[in-house]
Amino acid sequence: FRGCANISSIIFPEYVTNIGWGAFESCDSLSTIIFM
Protein backbone atom coordinates (compact mmCIF):
# COMPACT_ATOMS: atom_id res chain seq x y z
CA PHE A 1 0.00 0.00 0.00
CA ARG A 2 2.98 2.30 -0.51
CA GLY A 3 1.95 5.78 -1.57
CA CYS A 4 -1.76 5.38 -0.76
CA ALA A 5 -1.91 8.99 0.29
CA ASN A 6 -5.54 9.12 1.47
CA ILE A 7 -5.73 6.15 3.86
CA SER A 8 -6.27 7.67 7.30
CA SER A 9 -6.66 4.67 9.60
CA ILE A 10 -6.04 0.92 9.55
CA ILE A 11 -7.11 -1.98 11.76
CA PHE A 12 -5.00 -5.12 11.48
CA PRO A 13 -6.93 -8.24 12.58
CA GLU A 14 -5.57 -10.60 15.20
CA TYR A 15 -4.06 -13.20 12.88
CA VAL A 16 -1.90 -10.94 10.72
CA THR A 17 1.63 -12.34 11.08
CA ASN A 18 3.77 -10.16 8.81
CA ILE A 19 3.62 -6.62 7.40
CA GLY A 20 6.29 -6.28 4.76
CA TRP A 21 9.09 -3.90 3.90
CA GLY A 22 7.64 -0.46 3.11
CA ALA A 23 4.10 -1.88 3.07
CA PHE A 24 2.52 1.45 4.10
CA GLU A 25 5.41 3.77 3.35
CA SER A 26 4.48 7.33 2.34
CA CYS A 27 0.83 7.04 3.35
CA ASP A 28 0.59 10.77 3.90
CA SER A 29 -2.80 10.83 5.69
CA LEU A 30 -2.31 7.81 7.94
CA SER A 31 -2.96 8.93 11.51
CA THR A 32 -4.20 5.85 13.39
CA ILE A 33 -2.99 2.23 13.40
CA ILE A 34 -4.54 -0.56 15.46
CA PHE A 35 -2.81 -3.93 15.85
CA MET A 36 -5.22 -6.48 17.28
PDB file of all heavy atoms in Angstrom:
ATOM      1  N   PHE A   1       0.836  -1.210   0.000  1.00  0.00           N
ATOM      2  CA  PHE A   1       0.000   0.000   0.000  1.00  0.00           C
ATOM      3  C   PHE A   1       0.869   1.258   0.000  1.00  0.00           C
ATOM      4  O   PHE A   1       0.424   2.325   0.407  1.00  0.00           O
ATOM      5  CB  PHE A   1      -0.934  -0.006   1.208  1.00  0.00           C
ATOM      6  CG  PHE A   1      -1.991  -1.075   1.166  1.00  0.00           C
ATOM      7  CD1 PHE A   1      -1.735  -2.346   1.664  1.00  0.00           C
ATOM      8  CD2 PHE A   1      -3.239  -0.829   0.606  1.00  0.00           C
ATOM      9  CE1 PHE A   1      -2.698  -3.337   1.623  1.00  0.00           C
ATOM     10  CE2 PHE A   1      -4.209  -1.818   0.559  1.00  0.00           C
ATOM     11  CZ  PHE A   1      -3.938  -3.081   1.064  1.00  0.00           C
ATOM     12  N   ARG A   2       2.078   1.133  -0.477  1.00  0.00           N
ATOM     13  CA  ARG A   2       2.979   2.296  -0.512  1.00  0.00           C
ATOM     14  C   ARG A   2       2.368   3.416  -1.352  1.00  0.00           C
ATOM     15  O   ARG A   2       1.836   3.196  -2.439  1.00  0.00           O
ATOM     16  CB  ARG A   2       4.322   1.889  -1.103  1.00  0.00           C
ATOM     17  CG  ARG A   2       5.342   3.040  -1.147  1.00  0.00           C
ATOM     18  CD  ARG A   2       6.565   2.688  -1.953  1.00  0.00           C
ATOM     19  NE  ARG A   2       7.377   1.688  -1.287  1.00  0.00           N
ATOM     20  CZ  ARG A   2       7.651   0.501  -1.804  1.00  0.00           C
ATOM     21  NH1 ARG A   2       7.135   0.158  -2.981  1.00  0.00           N
ATOM     22  NH2 ARG A   2       8.413  -0.354  -1.159  1.00  0.00           N
ATOM     23  N   GLY A   3       2.420   4.626  -0.816  1.00  0.00           N
ATOM     24  CA  GLY A   3       1.951   5.778  -1.574  1.00  0.00           C
ATOM     25  C   GLY A   3       0.447   5.940  -1.651  1.00  0.00           C
ATOM     26  O   GLY A   3      -0.046   6.743  -2.450  1.00  0.00           O
ATOM     27  N   CYS A   4      -0.300   5.194  -0.820  1.00  0.00           N
ATOM     28  CA  CYS A   4      -1.760   5.378  -0.762  1.00  0.00           C
ATOM     29  C   CYS A   4      -2.031   6.581   0.138  1.00  0.00           C
ATOM     30  O   CYS A   4      -2.278   6.438   1.348  1.00  0.00           O
ATOM     31  CB  CYS A   4      -2.438   4.113  -0.246  1.00  0.00           C
ATOM     32  SG  CYS A   4      -2.328   2.719  -1.391  1.00  0.00           S
ATOM     33  N   ALA A   5      -1.996   7.741  -0.457  1.00  0.00           N
ATOM     34  CA  ALA A   5      -1.911   8.989   0.289  1.00  0.00           C
ATOM     35  C   ALA A   5      -3.153   9.370   1.076  1.00  0.00           C
ATOM     36  O   ALA A   5      -3.099  10.260   1.924  1.00  0.00           O
ATOM     37  CB  ALA A   5      -1.548  10.125  -0.663  1.00  0.00           C
ATOM     38  N   ASN A   6      -4.303   8.703   0.816  1.00  0.00           N
ATOM     39  CA  ASN A   6      -5.545   9.117   1.473  1.00  0.00           C
ATOM     40  C   ASN A   6      -6.054   8.144   2.537  1.00  0.00           C
ATOM     41  O   ASN A   6      -7.104   8.386   3.129  1.00  0.00           O
ATOM     42  CB  ASN A   6      -6.635   9.359   0.430  1.00  0.00           C
ATOM     43  CG  ASN A   6      -6.500  10.729  -0.216  1.00  0.00           C
ATOM     44  OD1 ASN A   6      -6.507  11.746   0.466  1.00  0.00           O
ATOM     45  ND2 ASN A   6      -6.348  10.748  -1.528  1.00  0.00           N
ATOM     46  N   ILE A   7      -5.334   7.057   2.776  1.00  0.00           N
ATOM     47  CA  ILE A   7      -5.727   6.146   3.856  1.00  0.00           C
ATOM     48  C   ILE A   7      -5.429   6.817   5.191  1.00  0.00           C
ATOM     49  O   ILE A   7      -4.295   7.209   5.461  1.00  0.00           O
ATOM     50  CB  ILE A   7      -4.974   4.810   3.764  1.00  0.00           C
ATOM     51  CG1 ILE A   7      -5.395   4.049   2.505  1.00  0.00           C
ATOM     52  CG2 ILE A   7      -5.238   3.948   5.001  1.00  0.00           C
ATOM     53  CD1 ILE A   7      -4.657   2.740   2.302  1.00  0.00           C
ATOM     54  N   SER A   8      -6.446   6.948   6.043  1.00  0.00           N
ATOM     55  CA  SER A   8      -6.267   7.673   7.301  1.00  0.00           C
ATOM     56  C   SER A   8      -6.157   6.767   8.525  1.00  0.00           C
ATOM     57  O   SER A   8      -5.574   7.165   9.535  1.00  0.00           O
ATOM     58  CB  SER A   8      -7.410   8.665   7.517  1.00  0.00           C
ATOM     59  OG  SER A   8      -8.652   7.983   7.558  1.00  0.00           O
ATOM     60  N   SER A   9      -6.728   5.579   8.457  1.00  0.00           N
ATOM     61  CA  SER A   9      -6.658   4.668   9.602  1.00  0.00           C
ATOM     62  C   SER A   9      -6.713   3.222   9.124  1.00  0.00           C
ATOM     63  O   SER A   9      -7.293   2.933   8.073  1.00  0.00           O
ATOM     64  CB  SER A   9      -7.789   4.940  10.592  1.00  0.00           C
ATOM     65  OG  SER A   9      -9.045   4.697   9.996  1.00  0.00           O
ATOM     66  N   ILE A  10      -6.094   2.337   9.908  1.00  0.00           N
ATOM     67  CA  ILE A  10      -6.040   0.925   9.547  1.00  0.00           C
ATOM     68  C   ILE A  10      -6.191   0.082  10.805  1.00  0.00           C
ATOM     69  O   ILE A  10      -5.575   0.368  11.841  1.00  0.00           O
ATOM     70  CB  ILE A  10      -4.706   0.548   8.873  1.00  0.00           C
ATOM     71  CG1 ILE A  10      -4.396   1.468   7.697  1.00  0.00           C
ATOM     72  CG2 ILE A  10      -4.732  -0.904   8.408  1.00  0.00           C
ATOM     73  CD1 ILE A  10      -3.002   1.281   7.150  1.00  0.00           C
ATOM     74  N   ILE A  11      -7.011  -0.984  10.703  1.00  0.00           N
ATOM     75  CA  ILE A  11      -7.112  -1.982  11.764  1.00  0.00           C
ATOM     76  C   ILE A  11      -6.580  -3.298  11.221  1.00  0.00           C
ATOM     77  O   ILE A  11      -7.078  -3.810  10.217  1.00  0.00           O
ATOM     78  CB  ILE A  11      -8.570  -2.174  12.235  1.00  0.00           C
ATOM     79  CG1 ILE A  11      -9.124  -0.863  12.794  1.00  0.00           C
ATOM     80  CG2 ILE A  11      -8.644  -3.266  13.301  1.00  0.00           C
ATOM     81  CD1 ILE A  11     -10.604  -0.930  13.143  1.00  0.00           C
ATOM     82  N   PHE A  12      -5.552  -3.837  11.870  1.00  0.00           N
ATOM     83  CA  PHE A  12      -4.996  -5.123  11.477  1.00  0.00           C
ATOM     84  C   PHE A  12      -5.579  -6.212  12.367  1.00  0.00           C
ATOM     85  O   PHE A  12      -5.363  -6.200  13.582  1.00  0.00           O
ATOM     86  CB  PHE A  12      -3.474  -5.109  11.590  1.00  0.00           C
ATOM     87  CG  PHE A  12      -2.812  -4.157  10.632  1.00  0.00           C
ATOM     88  CD1 PHE A  12      -2.386  -2.911  11.065  1.00  0.00           C
ATOM     89  CD2 PHE A  12      -2.632  -4.503   9.302  1.00  0.00           C
ATOM     90  CE1 PHE A  12      -1.781  -2.021  10.190  1.00  0.00           C
ATOM     91  CE2 PHE A  12      -2.030  -3.615   8.413  1.00  0.00           C
ATOM     92  CZ  PHE A  12      -1.604  -2.372   8.857  1.00  0.00           C
ATOM     93  N   PRO A  13      -6.312  -7.170  11.785  1.00  0.00           N
ATOM     94  CA  PRO A  13      -6.927  -8.238  12.581  1.00  0.00           C
ATOM     95  C   PRO A  13      -5.892  -9.069  13.348  1.00  0.00           C
ATOM     96  O   PRO A  13      -4.691  -9.014  13.073  1.00  0.00           O
ATOM     97  CB  PRO A  13      -7.653  -9.084  11.531  1.00  0.00           C
ATOM     98  CG  PRO A  13      -7.887  -8.155  10.398  1.00  0.00           C
ATOM     99  CD  PRO A  13      -6.692  -7.253  10.371  1.00  0.00           C
ATOM    100  N   GLU A  14      -6.408  -9.865  14.234  1.00  0.00           N
ATOM    101  CA  GLU A  14      -5.571 -10.598  15.198  1.00  0.00           C
ATOM    102  C   GLU A  14      -4.555 -11.532  14.557  1.00  0.00           C
ATOM    103  O   GLU A  14      -3.452 -11.706  15.074  1.00  0.00           O
ATOM    104  CB  GLU A  14      -6.485 -11.399  16.129  1.00  0.00           C
ATOM    105  CG  GLU A  14      -5.753 -12.157  17.220  1.00  0.00           C
ATOM    106  CD  GLU A  14      -6.699 -12.904  18.132  1.00  0.00           C
ATOM    107  OE1 GLU A  14      -7.940 -12.795  17.942  1.00  0.00           O
ATOM    108  OE2 GLU A  14      -6.205 -13.597  19.038  1.00  0.00           O
ATOM    109  N   TYR A  15      -4.911 -12.140  13.418  1.00  0.00           N
ATOM    110  CA  TYR A  15      -4.059 -13.197  12.884  1.00  0.00           C
ATOM    111  C   TYR A  15      -3.085 -12.737  11.806  1.00  0.00           C
ATOM    112  O   TYR A  15      -2.436 -13.573  11.161  1.00  0.00           O
ATOM    113  CB  TYR A  15      -4.935 -14.338  12.359  1.00  0.00           C
ATOM    114  CG  TYR A  15      -5.775 -14.944  13.455  1.00  0.00           C
ATOM    115  CD1 TYR A  15      -7.161 -14.747  13.476  1.00  0.00           C
ATOM    116  CD2 TYR A  15      -5.191 -15.647  14.511  1.00  0.00           C
ATOM    117  CE1 TYR A  15      -7.930 -15.276  14.501  1.00  0.00           C
ATOM    118  CE2 TYR A  15      -5.957 -16.166  15.534  1.00  0.00           C
ATOM    119  CZ  TYR A  15      -7.326 -15.975  15.525  1.00  0.00           C
ATOM    120  OH  TYR A  15      -8.090 -16.485  16.548  1.00  0.00           O
ATOM    121  N   VAL A  16      -2.935 -11.439  11.619  1.00  0.00           N
ATOM    122  CA  VAL A  16      -1.897 -10.944  10.717  1.00  0.00           C
ATOM    123  C   VAL A  16      -0.535 -11.278  11.331  1.00  0.00           C
ATOM    124  O   VAL A  16      -0.274 -10.960  12.492  1.00  0.00           O
ATOM    125  CB  VAL A  16      -2.012  -9.419  10.509  1.00  0.00           C
ATOM    126  CG1 VAL A  16      -0.836  -8.909   9.679  1.00  0.00           C
ATOM    127  CG2 VAL A  16      -3.323  -9.077   9.818  1.00  0.00           C
ATOM    128  N   THR A  17       0.326 -11.921  10.552  1.00  0.00           N
ATOM    129  CA  THR A  17       1.627 -12.340  11.078  1.00  0.00           C
ATOM    130  C   THR A  17       2.776 -11.477  10.582  1.00  0.00           C
ATOM    131  O   THR A  17       3.796 -11.343  11.272  1.00  0.00           O
ATOM    132  CB  THR A  17       1.928 -13.798  10.699  1.00  0.00           C
ATOM    133  OG1 THR A  17       1.924 -13.929   9.263  1.00  0.00           O
ATOM    134  CG2 THR A  17       0.897 -14.735  11.305  1.00  0.00           C
ATOM    135  N   ASN A  18       2.636 -10.901   9.380  1.00  0.00           N
ATOM    136  CA  ASN A  18       3.766 -10.160   8.811  1.00  0.00           C
ATOM    137  C   ASN A  18       3.284  -8.983   7.967  1.00  0.00           C
ATOM    138  O   ASN A  18       2.397  -9.132   7.122  1.00  0.00           O
ATOM    139  CB  ASN A  18       4.616 -11.102   7.957  1.00  0.00           C
ATOM    140  CG  ASN A  18       5.909 -10.447   7.498  1.00  0.00           C
ATOM    141  OD1 ASN A  18       5.931  -9.758   6.486  1.00  0.00           O
ATOM    142  ND2 ASN A  18       6.980 -10.660   8.235  1.00  0.00           N
ATOM    143  N   ILE A  19       3.881  -7.824   8.202  1.00  0.00           N
ATOM    144  CA  ILE A  19       3.618  -6.625   7.401  1.00  0.00           C
ATOM    145  C   ILE A  19       4.947  -6.226   6.778  1.00  0.00           C
ATOM    146  O   ILE A  19       5.899  -5.881   7.483  1.00  0.00           O
ATOM    147  CB  ILE A  19       3.021  -5.494   8.255  1.00  0.00           C
ATOM    148  CG1 ILE A  19       1.675  -5.951   8.838  1.00  0.00           C
ATOM    149  CG2 ILE A  19       2.825  -4.226   7.426  1.00  0.00           C
ATOM    150  CD1 ILE A  19       1.053  -4.976   9.805  1.00  0.00           C
ATOM    151  N   GLY A  20       5.030  -6.312   5.468  1.00  0.00           N
ATOM    152  CA  GLY A  20       6.294  -6.283   4.763  1.00  0.00           C
ATOM    153  C   GLY A  20       7.012  -4.944   4.685  1.00  0.00           C
ATOM    154  O   GLY A  20       6.519  -3.898   5.108  1.00  0.00           O
ATOM    155  N   TRP A  21       8.190  -5.042   4.094  1.00  0.00           N
ATOM    156  CA  TRP A  21       9.090  -3.900   3.896  1.00  0.00           C
ATOM    157  C   TRP A  21       8.356  -2.796   3.143  1.00  0.00           C
ATOM    158  O   TRP A  21       7.855  -2.990   2.042  1.00  0.00           O
ATOM    159  CB  TRP A  21      10.297  -4.378   3.084  1.00  0.00           C
ATOM    160  CG  TRP A  21      11.466  -3.449   3.008  1.00  0.00           C
ATOM    161  CD1 TRP A  21      12.598  -3.490   3.764  1.00  0.00           C
ATOM    162  CD2 TRP A  21      11.644  -2.347   2.096  1.00  0.00           C
ATOM    163  NE1 TRP A  21      13.464  -2.490   3.379  1.00  0.00           N
ATOM    164  CE2 TRP A  21      12.900  -1.767   2.358  1.00  0.00           C
ATOM    165  CE3 TRP A  21      10.836  -1.798   1.092  1.00  0.00           C
ATOM    166  CZ2 TRP A  21      13.377  -0.676   1.656  1.00  0.00           C
ATOM    167  CZ3 TRP A  21      11.311  -0.686   0.395  1.00  0.00           C
ATOM    168  CH2 TRP A  21      12.563  -0.149   0.667  1.00  0.00           C
ATOM    169  N   GLY A  22       8.254  -1.611   3.767  1.00  0.00           N
ATOM    170  CA  GLY A  22       7.638  -0.462   3.111  1.00  0.00           C
ATOM    171  C   GLY A  22       6.174  -0.645   2.751  1.00  0.00           C
ATOM    172  O   GLY A  22       5.659   0.051   1.865  1.00  0.00           O
ATOM    173  N   ALA A  23       5.492  -1.546   3.445  1.00  0.00           N
ATOM    174  CA  ALA A  23       4.104  -1.876   3.072  1.00  0.00           C
ATOM    175  C   ALA A  23       3.187  -0.663   3.062  1.00  0.00           C
ATOM    176  O   ALA A  23       2.303  -0.534   2.209  1.00  0.00           O
ATOM    177  CB  ALA A  23       3.545  -2.943   4.004  1.00  0.00           C
ATOM    178  N   PHE A  24       3.371   0.252   4.018  1.00  0.00           N
ATOM    179  CA  PHE A  24       2.523   1.451   4.101  1.00  0.00           C
ATOM    180  C   PHE A  24       3.396   2.712   4.104  1.00  0.00           C
ATOM    181  O   PHE A  24       3.018   3.741   4.657  1.00  0.00           O
ATOM    182  CB  PHE A  24       1.647   1.397   5.358  1.00  0.00           C
ATOM    183  CG  PHE A  24       0.619   0.309   5.311  1.00  0.00           C
ATOM    184  CD1 PHE A  24       0.929  -0.975   5.728  1.00  0.00           C
ATOM    185  CD2 PHE A  24      -0.657   0.549   4.817  1.00  0.00           C
ATOM    186  CE1 PHE A  24      -0.010  -2.001   5.672  1.00  0.00           C
ATOM    187  CE2 PHE A  24      -1.599  -0.467   4.754  1.00  0.00           C
ATOM    188  CZ  PHE A  24      -1.277  -1.746   5.182  1.00  0.00           C
ATOM    189  N   GLU A  25       4.503   2.630   3.454  1.00  0.00           N
ATOM    190  CA  GLU A  25       5.411   3.767   3.348  1.00  0.00           C
ATOM    191  C   GLU A  25       4.755   4.909   2.567  1.00  0.00           C
ATOM    192  O   GLU A  25       4.020   4.680   1.599  1.00  0.00           O
ATOM    193  CB  GLU A  25       6.688   3.328   2.641  1.00  0.00           C
ATOM    194  CG  GLU A  25       7.748   4.402   2.492  1.00  0.00           C
ATOM    195  CD  GLU A  25       8.993   3.897   1.792  1.00  0.00           C
ATOM    196  OE1 GLU A  25       9.002   2.727   1.346  1.00  0.00           O
ATOM    197  OE2 GLU A  25       9.949   4.672   1.682  1.00  0.00           O
ATOM    198  N   SER A  26       4.984   6.128   3.021  1.00  0.00           N
ATOM    199  CA  SER A  26       4.480   7.327   2.337  1.00  0.00           C
ATOM    200  C   SER A  26       2.964   7.356   2.226  1.00  0.00           C
ATOM    201  O   SER A  26       2.408   7.803   1.221  1.00  0.00           O
ATOM    202  CB  SER A  26       5.106   7.450   0.935  1.00  0.00           C
ATOM    203  OG  SER A  26       6.511   7.558   1.023  1.00  0.00           O
ATOM    204  N   CYS A  27       2.288   6.864   3.250  1.00  0.00           N
ATOM    205  CA  CYS A  27       0.827   7.040   3.350  1.00  0.00           C
ATOM    206  C   CYS A  27       0.607   8.349   4.097  1.00  0.00           C
ATOM    207  O   CYS A  27       0.537   8.382   5.339  1.00  0.00           O
ATOM    208  CB  CYS A  27       0.198   5.848   4.079  1.00  0.00           C
ATOM    209  SG  CYS A  27       0.172   4.340   3.094  1.00  0.00           S
ATOM    210  N   ASP A  28       0.500   9.421   3.344  1.00  0.00           N
ATOM    211  CA  ASP A  28       0.589  10.771   3.901  1.00  0.00           C
ATOM    212  C   ASP A  28      -0.497  11.122   4.910  1.00  0.00           C
ATOM    213  O   ASP A  28      -0.294  11.979   5.765  1.00  0.00           O
ATOM    214  CB  ASP A  28       0.550  11.800   2.761  1.00  0.00           C
ATOM    215  CG  ASP A  28       1.770  11.722   1.866  1.00  0.00           C
ATOM    216  OD1 ASP A  28       2.769  11.091   2.274  1.00  0.00           O
ATOM    217  OD2 ASP A  28       1.735  12.280   0.749  1.00  0.00           O
ATOM    218  N   SER A  29      -1.677  10.492   4.800  1.00  0.00           N
ATOM    219  CA  SER A  29      -2.800  10.830   5.685  1.00  0.00           C
ATOM    220  C   SER A  29      -2.966   9.864   6.856  1.00  0.00           C
ATOM    221  O   SER A  29      -3.846  10.066   7.698  1.00  0.00           O
ATOM    222  CB  SER A  29      -4.109  10.875   4.886  1.00  0.00           C
ATOM    223  OG  SER A  29      -4.041  11.831   3.855  1.00  0.00           O
ATOM    224  N   LEU A  30      -2.150   8.841   6.915  1.00  0.00           N
ATOM    225  CA  LEU A  30      -2.314   7.806   7.936  1.00  0.00           C
ATOM    226  C   LEU A  30      -2.052   8.381   9.333  1.00  0.00           C
ATOM    227  O   LEU A  30      -0.953   8.820   9.640  1.00  0.00           O
ATOM    228  CB  LEU A  30      -1.356   6.647   7.665  1.00  0.00           C
ATOM    229  CG  LEU A  30      -1.490   5.432   8.588  1.00  0.00           C
ATOM    230  CD1 LEU A  30      -2.887   4.839   8.506  1.00  0.00           C
ATOM    231  CD2 LEU A  30      -0.436   4.384   8.241  1.00  0.00           C
ATOM    232  N   SER A  31      -3.090   8.359  10.167  1.00  0.00           N
ATOM    233  CA  SER A  31      -2.962   8.935  11.511  1.00  0.00           C
ATOM    234  C   SER A  31      -3.156   7.911  12.630  1.00  0.00           C
ATOM    235  O   SER A  31      -2.644   8.099  13.727  1.00  0.00           O
ATOM    236  CB  SER A  31      -3.959  10.078  11.698  1.00  0.00           C
ATOM    237  OG  SER A  31      -5.294   9.613  11.567  1.00  0.00           O
ATOM    238  N   THR A  32      -3.900   6.827  12.345  1.00  0.00           N
ATOM    239  CA  THR A  32      -4.202   5.851  13.393  1.00  0.00           C
ATOM    240  C   THR A  32      -3.973   4.429  12.898  1.00  0.00           C
ATOM    241  O   THR A  32      -4.449   4.058  11.821  1.00  0.00           O
ATOM    242  CB  THR A  32      -5.663   5.985  13.860  1.00  0.00           C
ATOM    243  OG1 THR A  32      -5.869   7.305  14.380  1.00  0.00           O
ATOM    244  CG2 THR A  32      -5.971   4.968  14.958  1.00  0.00           C
ATOM    245  N   ILE A  33      -3.244   3.644  13.701  1.00  0.00           N
ATOM    246  CA  ILE A  33      -2.988   2.232  13.396  1.00  0.00           C
ATOM    247  C   ILE A  33      -3.383   1.408  14.607  1.00  0.00           C
ATOM    248  O   ILE A  33      -3.004   1.730  15.735  1.00  0.00           O
ATOM    249  CB  ILE A  33      -1.497   1.987  13.079  1.00  0.00           C
ATOM    250  CG1 ILE A  33      -1.016   2.891  11.945  1.00  0.00           C
ATOM    251  CG2 ILE A  33      -1.261   0.524  12.734  1.00  0.00           C
ATOM    252  CD1 ILE A  33       0.497   2.877  11.758  1.00  0.00           C
ATOM    253  N   ILE A  34      -4.142   0.334  14.367  1.00  0.00           N
ATOM    254  CA  ILE A  34      -4.540  -0.564  15.458  1.00  0.00           C
ATOM    255  C   ILE A  34      -4.078  -1.982  15.119  1.00  0.00           C
ATOM    256  O   ILE A  34      -4.462  -2.541  14.092  1.00  0.00           O
ATOM    257  CB  ILE A  34      -6.063  -0.561  15.682  1.00  0.00           C
ATOM    258  CG1 ILE A  34      -6.533   0.852  16.052  1.00  0.00           C
ATOM    259  CG2 ILE A  34      -6.456  -1.551  16.776  1.00  0.00           C
ATOM    260  CD1 ILE A  34      -8.036   0.973  16.209  1.00  0.00           C
ATOM    261  N   PHE A  35      -3.246  -2.547  15.986  1.00  0.00           N
ATOM    262  CA  PHE A  35      -2.805  -3.933  15.850  1.00  0.00           C
ATOM    263  C   PHE A  35      -3.569  -4.773  16.864  1.00  0.00           C
ATOM    264  O   PHE A  35      -3.338  -4.664  18.067  1.00  0.00           O
ATOM    265  CB  PHE A  35      -1.308  -4.066  16.117  1.00  0.00           C
ATOM    266  CG  PHE A  35      -0.430  -3.275  15.187  1.00  0.00           C
ATOM    267  CD1 PHE A  35       0.211  -2.119  15.625  1.00  0.00           C
ATOM    268  CD2 PHE A  35      -0.240  -3.688  13.873  1.00  0.00           C
ATOM    269  CE1 PHE A  35       1.031  -1.391  14.784  1.00  0.00           C
ATOM    270  CE2 PHE A  35       0.577  -2.955  13.010  1.00  0.00           C
ATOM    271  CZ  PHE A  35       1.215  -1.812  13.474  1.00  0.00           C
ATOM    272  N   MET A  36      -4.474  -5.627  16.378  1.00  0.00           N
ATOM    273  CA  MET A  36      -5.224  -6.485  17.283  1.00  0.00           C
ATOM    274  C   MET A  36      -4.384  -7.660  17.772  1.00  0.00           C
ATOM    275  O   MET A  36      -4.602  -8.194  18.863  1.00  0.00           O
ATOM    276  CB  MET A  36      -6.487  -7.009  16.596  1.00  0.00           C
ATOM    277  CG  MET A  36      -7.448  -5.918  16.132  1.00  0.00           C
ATOM    278  SD  MET A  36      -7.882  -4.733  17.425  1.00  0.00           S
ATOM    279  CE  MET A  36      -8.627  -5.813  18.646  1.00  0.00           C
TER     280      MET A  36
END
